[in-house]
């Protein structure tokens, strides 16, 4: 088994607890479903939020999905002028037999623009 990183991102509608948790849950579930990941295969998850989002810790969404034993860490994204606002980004480290080219990264909605280089490898 190898540890692989799965990336994901989602644009959050507004800086409210509900919006942050809903948007985080949506992208987490998409990442897990697309890569057939079970919670026990997750080594750790890193979450970042753009500086304009501070109403909730996105890790709460993972806990609500039953990830009570997975190490989770929330951080603030660098506030680069002109960058996309209201974004939660995720790096999920998983133990897997899948090759790196089999991993599907999930940049939902507008956040697909963040990884144009993946050209069709994101949903």
Protein backbone atom coordinates (compact mmCIF):
# COMPACT_ATOMS: atom_id res chain seq x y z
CA UNK A 1 0.00 0.00 0.00
CA UNK A 2 1.03 3.56 -0.74
CA UNK A 3 -0.11 6.89 0.67
CA UNK A 4 -1.65 9.05 -2.06
CA UNK A 5 -2.99 12.58 -1.94
CA UNK A 6 -6.44 13.43 -3.22
CA UNK A 7 -7.22 17.11 -3.75
CA UNK A 8 -10.57 18.82 -3.70
CA UNK A 9 -12.07 22.29 -3.51
CA UNK A 10 -15.46 23.93 -3.37
CA UNK A 11 -16.69 27.51 -3.49
CA UNK A 12 -18.71 28.41 -0.39
CA UNK A 13 -21.83 30.54 -0.89
CA UNK A 14 -21.39 32.70 2.22
CA UNK A 15 -19.42 32.94 5.44
CA UNK A 16 -21.83 31.02 7.66
CA UNK A 17 -21.33 27.83 9.64
CA UNK A 18 -24.00 26.04 7.63
CA UNK A 19 -22.59 27.06 4.24
CA UNK A 20 -19.03 26.08 5.19
CA UNK A 21 -20.07 22.68 6.57
CA UNK A 22 -22.44 21.95 3.67
CA UNK A 23 -19.83 22.87 1.05
CA UNK A 24 -17.10 20.92 2.81
CA UNK A 25 -19.32 17.87 3.20
CA UNK A 26 -20.24 18.02 -0.49
CA UNK A 27 -16.64 17.96 -1.71
CA UNK A 28 -15.51 15.38 0.88
CA UNK A 29 -18.24 12.96 -0.16
CA UNK A 30 -17.45 13.53 -3.85
CA UNK A 31 -13.75 12.81 -3.21
CA UNK A 32 -14.51 9.63 -1.29
CA UNK A 33 -17.08 8.34 -3.80
CA UNK A 34 -14.97 9.09 -6.90
CA UNK A 35 -11.96 7.29 -5.38
CA UNK A 36 -13.86 4.56 -3.50
CA UNK A 37 -12.27 5.64 -0.20
CA UNK A 38 -13.44 4.30 3.15
CA UNK A 39 -12.84 6.32 6.32
CA UNK A 40 -10.46 3.68 7.72
CA UNK A 41 -8.19 4.16 4.67
CA UNK A 42 -7.71 7.88 5.35
CA UNK A 43 -4.36 8.73 6.94
CA UNK A 44 -5.14 12.44 7.48
CA UNK A 45 -7.04 15.37 5.99
CA UNK A 46 -5.82 18.96 5.68
CA UNK A 47 -8.38 21.72 5.14
CA UNK A 48 -7.69 25.31 4.14
CA UNK A 49 -10.10 28.22 3.96
CA UNK A 50 -9.59 31.51 2.20
CA UNK A 51 -9.23 34.41 4.69
CA UNK A 52 -12.84 35.53 4.11
CA UNK A 53 -14.21 32.28 5.61
CA UNK A 54 -14.04 31.96 9.38
CA UNK A 55 -17.53 31.00 10.62
CA UNK A 56 -16.69 27.30 11.16
CA UNK A 57 -13.94 24.71 11.13
CA UNK A 58 -14.37 22.56 7.99
CA UNK A 59 -13.13 19.54 9.96
CA UNK A 60 -16.54 19.52 11.69
CA UNK A 61 -18.05 18.27 8.41
CA UNK A 62 -15.67 15.29 8.42
CA UNK A 63 -16.55 14.51 12.03
CA UNK A 64 -20.26 14.64 11.11
CA UNK A 65 -19.52 12.06 8.39
CA UNK A 66 -18.13 9.70 11.04
CA UNK A 67 -14.40 10.42 10.71
CA UNK A 68 -13.83 10.50 14.45
CA UNK A 69 -10.43 8.74 14.36
CA UNK A 70 -8.97 10.52 11.31
CA UNK A 71 -6.41 13.25 12.10
CA UNK A 72 -7.79 16.55 10.76
CA UNK A 73 -6.16 19.97 10.53
CA UNK A 74 -7.66 23.33 9.51
CA UNK A 75 -5.56 26.21 8.23
CA UNK A 76 -6.01 29.58 6.57
CA UNK A 77 -5.06 29.89 2.90
CA UNK A 78 -2.63 32.60 1.83
CA UNK A 79 -4.57 35.75 0.90
CA UNK A 80 -3.14 36.33 -2.58
CA UNK A 81 -4.60 39.53 -4.14
CA UNK A 82 -7.01 38.73 -6.96
CA UNK A 83 -7.37 35.03 -6.07
CA UNK A 84 -10.72 33.25 -5.86
CA UNK A 85 -12.62 34.04 -2.67
CA UNK A 86 -14.77 31.83 -0.40
CA UNK A 87 -12.95 28.57 -1.15
CA UNK A 88 -12.42 25.49 0.99
CA UNK A 89 -9.52 23.33 -0.24
CA UNK A 90 -8.83 19.80 0.92
CA UNK A 91 -5.84 17.48 0.80
CA UNK A 92 -6.88 13.95 1.81
CA UNK A 93 -4.06 11.46 2.35
CA UNK A 94 -5.21 7.87 1.80
CA UNK A 95 -3.66 4.43 2.02
CA UNK A 96 -4.40 2.80 -1.32
CA UNK A 97 -3.30 0.33 -3.97
CA UNK A 98 -4.36 2.79 -6.70
CA UNK A 99 -1.73 4.33 -8.94
CA UNK A 100 -1.32 8.09 -8.89
CA UNK A 101 -2.82 8.38 -12.38
CA UNK A 102 -5.96 6.60 -11.10
CA UNK A 103 -6.68 9.23 -8.44
CA UNK A 104 -9.58 11.57 -9.23
CA UNK A 105 -9.34 15.07 -7.81
CA UNK A 106 -12.64 16.87 -7.20
CA UNK A 107 -12.74 20.61 -7.87
CA UNK A 108 -16.44 21.39 -7.82
CA UNK A 109 -18.19 24.18 -9.70
CA UNK A 110 -16.15 27.36 -10.16
CA UNK A 111 -13.11 25.85 -8.44
CA UNK A 112 -12.34 23.83 -11.58
CA UNK A 113 -10.60 27.02 -12.73
CA UNK A 114 -8.04 26.47 -9.97
CA UNK A 115 -6.72 23.37 -11.74
CA UNK A 116 -7.10 23.94 -15.47
CA UNK A 117 -3.91 21.90 -15.89
CA UNK A 118 -5.79 18.69 -14.99
CA UNK A 119 -7.99 19.12 -18.10
CA UNK A 120 -10.87 16.73 -17.62
CA UNK A 121 -9.42 14.90 -14.63
CA UNK A 122 -11.62 16.84 -12.22
CA UNK A 123 -15.38 16.89 -11.76
